[in-house]
Amino acid sequence: MSVLVNKDSKIIVQGFTGSEGTFHAEQMIDYGTNVVGGVTPGKGGQEHLGRPVFNTVKDAVDQAGADTTIIFVPPAFAADAIMEAADAGIKVIITITEGIPVADMIKAYNYIKGKDCRLIGPNCPGVITPGEAKVGIMPGFVFKKGNVGIVSKSGTLTYEAADQVVRQGQGITTAIGIGGDPIIGTTTKEAVELLMNDPETECIVMIGEIGGQLEADAARWIKENGNKKPVVGFIAGETAPKGRTMGHAGAIVGGADDTAEAKKRIMKECGIHVVDSPAEIGKKVAEVLG
């Protein structure tokens, strides 16, 4: 029982024949991910990386049974790609693209609301279930199978946390990069909930950053739901100046509760094991798993 993606996921790549899509699809295939094809309008019927190319997501669903997609479509067309995937009946839509206009994302977000699908991202590193499926841009070799789930806004901190957990002799069930944009499909709370409900996950690492309310919402949900599994938390951006966007579009301190300090305080109050440096994540996980 894995979360979101596993060895049985039938994955397509939107933006398959472009440079980013090609590079990362190749890495995903090398990892052993079940990539059943890709979509590039106008190139249907061709073959790329030994996999079929389809003109539309609907064709990929009808002909290859695709149920999961990873999107490497340029920002101007990416929201459209998300809506097309949802329309075609794709269940898990993982959007890597950074820089999608907010107005486009509002439209896509509202469009897919009533549909039976889950959007991860945009502006995220993707999702990996080690040893089964890498649907993203993360370095696969860092991740080993185990019983720790990771939820993170940051890509690089996801890899860092996984590496530390593995060095402590533990491993990862699924790592979910939720993305750093202001409008994302799956919130910290929703990703934590998926891992809380996963029988294989015994501990969760929750990595957030300044800006927005996602981590506070997740922390309160964890407390209200009896904190069934230990959660280790870290918030990036302790030294960020107020009112300035730091890297991610969503990483901007807009109010008193947006600061790293405030988020860490709320997380501690809700029973989360908060560390002050990303270098302490692995040790803390080993400690709480005892």
Protein backbone atom coordinates (compact mmCIF):
# COMPACT_ATOMS: atom_id res chain seq x y z
CA MET A 1 0.00 0.00 0.00
CA SER A 2 1.89 3.04 -1.21
CA VAL A 3 0.72 6.61 -1.50
CA LEU A 4 -0.11 8.18 -4.91
CA VAL A 5 2.32 6.18 -7.09
CA ASN A 6 3.58 2.59 -7.14
CA LYS A 7 4.89 -0.12 -9.45
CA ASP A 8 1.41 -0.56 -10.96
CA SER A 9 0.94 3.13 -11.85
CA LYS A 10 0.69 3.64 -15.61
CA ILE A 11 2.54 6.87 -16.16
CA ILE A 12 2.64 9.25 -19.11
CA VAL A 13 4.80 12.32 -19.65
CA GLN A 14 3.15 15.48 -21.01
CA GLY A 15 5.77 17.46 -22.89
CA PHE A 16 7.42 14.10 -23.59
CA THR A 17 9.60 15.04 -26.56
CA GLY A 18 10.83 18.39 -25.21
CA SER A 19 14.29 18.67 -23.62
CA GLU A 20 13.09 18.58 -19.98
CA GLY A 21 10.50 15.87 -20.63
CA THR A 22 13.04 13.74 -22.48
CA PHE A 23 15.78 14.07 -19.88
CA HIS A 24 13.58 13.28 -16.89
CA ALA A 25 11.51 10.59 -18.63
CA GLU A 26 14.77 8.80 -19.39
CA GLN A 27 15.80 8.99 -15.72
CA MET A 28 12.36 7.73 -14.65
CA ILE A 29 12.53 4.78 -17.07
CA ASP A 30 16.09 3.96 -15.90
CA TYR A 31 14.77 3.92 -12.33
CA GLY A 32 12.23 1.26 -13.33
CA THR A 33 9.15 3.48 -13.37
CA ASN A 34 6.30 2.14 -15.48
CA VAL A 35 6.24 4.88 -18.16
CA VAL A 36 3.69 3.76 -20.77
CA GLY A 37 4.15 6.67 -23.18
CA GLY A 38 3.96 10.40 -23.53
CA VAL A 39 2.02 13.25 -25.09
CA THR A 40 3.22 15.84 -27.59
CA PRO A 41 0.48 17.31 -29.81
CA GLY A 42 1.25 16.74 -33.49
CA LYS A 43 3.70 13.91 -32.86
CA GLY A 44 1.20 11.12 -32.24
CA GLY A 45 2.16 7.79 -33.74
CA GLN A 46 5.90 8.35 -33.30
CA GLU A 47 8.10 6.54 -30.80
CA HIS A 48 10.35 8.29 -28.26
CA LEU A 49 12.68 6.58 -25.74
CA GLY A 50 11.13 3.30 -26.89
CA ARG A 51 7.66 4.45 -25.80
CA PRO A 52 4.67 5.58 -27.91
CA VAL A 53 3.89 9.27 -28.40
CA PHE A 54 0.22 10.33 -28.34
CA ASN A 55 -1.39 13.54 -29.61
CA THR A 56 -3.68 13.88 -26.60
CA VAL A 57 -3.96 12.63 -23.02
CA LYS A 58 -7.28 10.99 -23.95
CA ASP A 59 -5.49 8.88 -26.57
CA ALA A 60 -2.91 7.85 -23.94
CA VAL A 61 -5.69 6.85 -21.52
CA ASP A 62 -7.66 4.95 -24.18
CA GLN A 63 -4.70 3.19 -25.80
CA ALA A 64 -2.17 2.75 -22.98
CA GLY A 65 -4.45 2.75 -19.93
CA ALA A 66 -2.60 5.73 -18.40
CA ASP A 67 -3.74 6.75 -14.89
CA THR A 68 -0.90 9.07 -13.81
CA THR A 69 0.79 11.95 -15.60
CA ILE A 70 3.84 14.10 -15.05
CA ILE A 71 3.78 17.50 -16.73
CA PHE A 72 6.85 19.18 -18.27
CA VAL A 73 4.88 21.64 -20.38
CA PRO A 74 6.11 25.29 -20.59
CA PRO A 75 4.39 27.70 -18.15
CA ALA A 76 2.09 29.36 -20.71
CA PHE A 77 0.47 26.04 -21.64
CA ALA A 78 0.82 24.06 -18.39
CA ALA A 79 -2.56 24.92 -16.82
CA ASP A 80 -4.19 23.75 -20.02
CA ALA A 81 -2.22 20.49 -19.78
CA ILE A 82 -3.51 19.99 -16.21
CA MET A 83 -7.14 20.50 -17.30
CA GLU A 84 -6.68 18.19 -20.30
CA ALA A 85 -5.33 15.43 -18.03
CA ALA A 86 -8.23 15.83 -15.58
CA ASP A 87 -10.72 15.75 -18.46
CA ALA A 88 -9.22 12.55 -19.83
CA GLY A 89 -9.71 10.74 -16.51
CA ILE A 90 -6.12 10.78 -15.20
CA LYS A 91 -6.17 10.16 -11.42
CA VAL A 92 -2.80 11.62 -10.32
CA ILE A 93 -1.51 14.77 -12.05
CA ILE A 94 2.04 15.73 -11.07
CA THR A 95 3.05 19.15 -12.36
CA ILE A 96 6.74 20.04 -12.34
CA THR A 97 6.48 23.31 -14.31
CA GLU A 98 7.52 26.47 -12.48
CA GLY A 99 6.19 29.92 -13.36
CA ILE A 100 2.59 29.09 -14.34
CA PRO A 101 0.66 32.40 -14.21
CA VAL A 102 -1.47 32.60 -11.05
CA ALA A 103 -4.60 33.51 -13.05
CA ASP A 104 -4.14 30.32 -15.11
CA MET A 105 -3.72 28.23 -11.97
CA ILE A 106 -6.88 29.65 -10.38
CA LYS A 107 -8.77 28.55 -13.48
CA ALA A 108 -7.18 25.07 -13.53
CA TYR A 109 -7.62 24.63 -9.75
CA ASN A 110 -11.34 25.41 -9.96
CA TYR A 111 -11.78 23.35 -13.11
CA ILE A 112 -10.45 20.12 -11.61
CA LYS A 113 -12.23 20.53 -8.25
CA GLY A 114 -15.23 18.39 -9.13
CA LYS A 115 -13.20 15.74 -10.93
CA ASP A 116 -11.89 12.46 -9.56
CA CYS A 117 -8.20 13.37 -9.61
CA ARG A 118 -5.42 14.66 -7.41
CA LEU A 119 -3.07 17.42 -8.49
CA ILE A 120 0.44 17.56 -7.01
CA GLY A 121 2.30 20.83 -7.61
CA PRO A 122 2.88 22.88 -9.67
CA ASN A 123 6.50 23.94 -9.15
CA CYS A 124 7.32 20.71 -7.34
CA PRO A 125 9.90 17.91 -7.56
CA GLY A 126 7.23 15.21 -7.89
CA VAL A 127 6.53 12.03 -5.95
CA ILE A 128 8.67 8.93 -5.36
CA THR A 129 7.83 5.56 -3.86
CA PRO A 130 11.34 4.07 -3.59
CA GLY A 131 11.97 0.86 -5.49
CA GLU A 132 8.63 1.20 -7.30
CA ALA A 133 8.09 4.51 -9.09
CA LYS A 134 9.89 7.82 -9.44
CA VAL A 135 7.47 10.33 -10.92
CA GLY A 136 9.53 13.47 -10.65
CA ILE A 137 12.93 15.07 -10.95
CA MET A 138 14.47 13.83 -7.69
CA PRO A 139 17.75 11.86 -7.69
CA GLY A 140 16.48 8.29 -7.30
CA PHE A 141 19.64 6.86 -5.73
CA VAL A 142 19.14 8.94 -2.55
CA PHE A 143 15.88 7.17 -1.68
CA LYS A 144 15.73 3.71 -0.10
CA LYS A 145 12.56 1.86 0.88
CA GLY A 146 11.48 2.12 4.51
CA ASN A 147 8.81 3.40 6.86
CA VAL A 148 9.23 7.21 6.88
CA GLY A 149 6.99 9.44 4.75
CA ILE A 150 8.14 12.89 3.61
CA VAL A 151 5.99 15.92 2.78
CA SER A 152 7.86 18.99 1.58
CA LYS A 153 7.42 22.33 -0.16
CA SER A 154 11.10 22.28 -1.12
CA GLY A 155 12.70 19.91 -3.61
CA THR A 156 16.29 20.00 -2.36
CA LEU A 157 15.22 19.66 1.28
CA THR A 158 13.22 16.56 0.30
CA TYR A 159 16.41 14.94 -1.02
CA GLU A 160 18.39 16.13 2.01
CA ALA A 161 15.83 14.71 4.46
CA ALA A 162 15.67 11.39 2.58
CA ASP A 163 19.45 11.11 2.56
CA GLN A 164 19.63 11.70 6.32
CA VAL A 165 16.84 9.23 7.07
CA VAL A 166 18.62 6.58 4.98
CA ARG A 167 21.96 7.30 6.72
CA GLN A 168 20.24 6.58 10.04
CA GLY A 169 19.41 3.09 8.77
CA GLN A 170 15.78 3.96 8.02
CA GLY A 171 14.07 4.43 4.66
CA ILE A 172 11.20 6.15 2.86
CA THR A 173 7.67 4.93 2.07
CA THR A 174 6.74 7.81 -0.22
CA ALA A 175 8.13 11.33 -0.55
CA ILE A 176 5.69 13.98 -1.78
CA GLY A 177 6.98 17.34 -3.04
CA ILE A 178 3.87 19.54 -2.85
CA GLY A 179 5.40 22.58 -4.59
CA GLY A 180 6.28 26.15 -3.72
CA ASP A 181 3.65 28.12 -5.62
CA PRO A 182 0.85 30.12 -3.95
CA ILE A 183 -1.82 27.88 -5.56
CA ILE A 184 -1.07 24.17 -5.38
CA GLY A 185 -3.27 21.11 -5.83
CA THR A 186 -2.40 19.23 -2.63
CA THR A 187 -1.76 21.05 0.63
CA THR A 188 0.63 20.04 3.41
CA LYS A 189 -2.35 18.82 5.46
CA GLU A 190 -3.71 16.68 2.62
CA ALA A 191 -0.30 15.11 1.96
CA VAL A 192 0.20 14.43 5.69
CA GLU A 193 -3.27 12.87 5.81
CA LEU A 194 -2.39 10.50 2.93
CA LEU A 195 0.71 9.33 4.85
CA MET A 196 -1.16 9.10 8.18
CA ASN A 197 -3.59 6.72 6.48
CA ASP A 198 -0.81 4.63 4.92
CA PRO A 199 -0.23 1.50 7.04
CA GLU A 200 3.46 1.25 6.04
CA THR A 201 4.34 4.80 7.13
CA GLU A 202 5.36 4.93 10.81
CA CYS A 203 6.79 8.43 10.99
CA ILE A 204 6.32 11.58 8.89
CA VAL A 205 8.82 14.34 8.07
CA MET A 206 7.04 17.62 7.31
CA ILE A 207 9.17 20.32 5.70
CA GLY A 208 7.70 23.78 5.19
CA GLU A 209 8.81 27.34 4.68
CA ILE A 210 7.78 30.90 5.40
CA GLY A 211 4.63 32.26 3.77
CA GLY A 212 1.04 31.04 3.82
CA GLN A 213 -0.82 28.93 6.37
CA LEU A 214 -0.26 25.39 5.07
CA GLU A 215 2.01 24.14 7.84
CA ALA A 216 -0.12 25.63 10.63
CA ASP A 217 -3.25 24.04 9.12
CA ALA A 218 -1.46 20.68 8.91
CA ALA A 219 -0.20 20.96 12.50
CA ARG A 220 -3.69 21.69 13.84
CA TRP A 221 -5.12 18.78 11.84
CA ILE A 222 -2.45 16.47 13.29
CA LYS A 223 -3.31 17.58 16.84
CA GLU A 224 -7.09 17.27 16.30
CA ASN A 225 -6.71 13.79 14.85
CA GLY A 226 -4.82 12.41 17.81
CA ASN A 227 -1.29 12.61 16.40
CA LYS A 228 -1.33 8.86 15.56
CA LYS A 229 2.23 8.83 14.19
CA PRO A 230 5.23 10.92 15.24
CA VAL A 231 5.85 13.93 12.97
CA VAL A 232 9.24 15.63 12.64
CA GLY A 233 9.01 19.20 11.35
CA PHE A 234 11.32 21.83 9.90
CA ILE A 235 10.55 25.33 8.58
CA ALA A 236 12.93 27.03 6.15
CA GLY A 237 13.38 30.80 6.01
CA GLU A 238 14.20 31.74 9.61
CA THR A 239 16.32 34.71 8.51
CA ALA A 240 14.16 35.92 5.60
CA PRO A 241 13.23 39.63 5.63
CA LYS A 242 9.49 40.42 5.86
CA GLY A 243 7.60 41.22 2.66
CA ARG A 244 10.16 39.84 0.23
CA THR A 245 9.62 36.74 -1.91
CA MET A 246 12.35 34.21 -1.18
CA GLY A 247 12.91 31.80 -4.07
CA HIS A 248 9.45 30.22 -4.30
CA ALA A 249 6.57 32.44 -5.38
CA GLY A 250 4.66 31.42 -2.25
CA ALA A 251 7.54 32.07 0.16
CA ILE A 252 6.72 35.57 1.31
CA VAL A 253 5.95 36.70 4.85
CA GLY A 254 2.62 38.51 4.66
CA GLY A 255 1.53 38.44 8.30
CA ALA A 256 2.60 37.53 11.84
CA ASP A 257 1.72 33.84 11.40
CA ASP A 258 3.73 33.50 8.18
CA THR A 259 7.15 33.67 9.83
CA ALA A 260 9.30 30.62 10.51
CA GLU A 261 9.21 31.41 14.22
CA ALA A 262 5.39 31.50 14.37
CA LYS A 263 5.01 28.32 12.33
CA LYS A 264 7.50 26.47 14.52
CA ARG A 265 5.70 27.61 17.66
CA ILE A 266 2.32 26.38 16.33
CA MET A 267 3.87 23.06 15.25
CA LYS A 268 5.45 22.52 18.68
CA GLU A 269 2.13 23.34 20.39
CA CYS A 270 0.51 20.66 18.24
CA GLY A 271 2.96 17.97 19.34
CA ILE A 272 5.29 17.98 16.33
CA HIS A 273 9.00 17.32 16.95
CA VAL A 274 10.44 20.53 15.49
CA VAL A 275 14.13 20.78 14.55
CA ASP A 276 15.92 24.11 14.08
CA SER A 277 18.26 22.99 11.32
CA PRO A 278 17.72 20.65 8.37
CA ALA A 279 20.91 18.88 9.50
CA GLU A 280 19.00 17.52 12.52
CA ILE A 281 16.12 15.86 10.61
CA GLY A 282 17.67 12.38 10.37
CA LYS A 283 18.76 12.23 14.02
CA LYS A 284 15.33 13.35 15.20
CA VAL A 285 13.58 10.70 13.07
CA ALA A 286 15.85 7.98 14.52
CA GLU A 287 15.13 9.32 18.02
CA VAL A 288 11.31 9.32 17.68
CA LEU A 289 11.27 5.89 16.05
CA GLY A 290 13.52 4.77 18.91
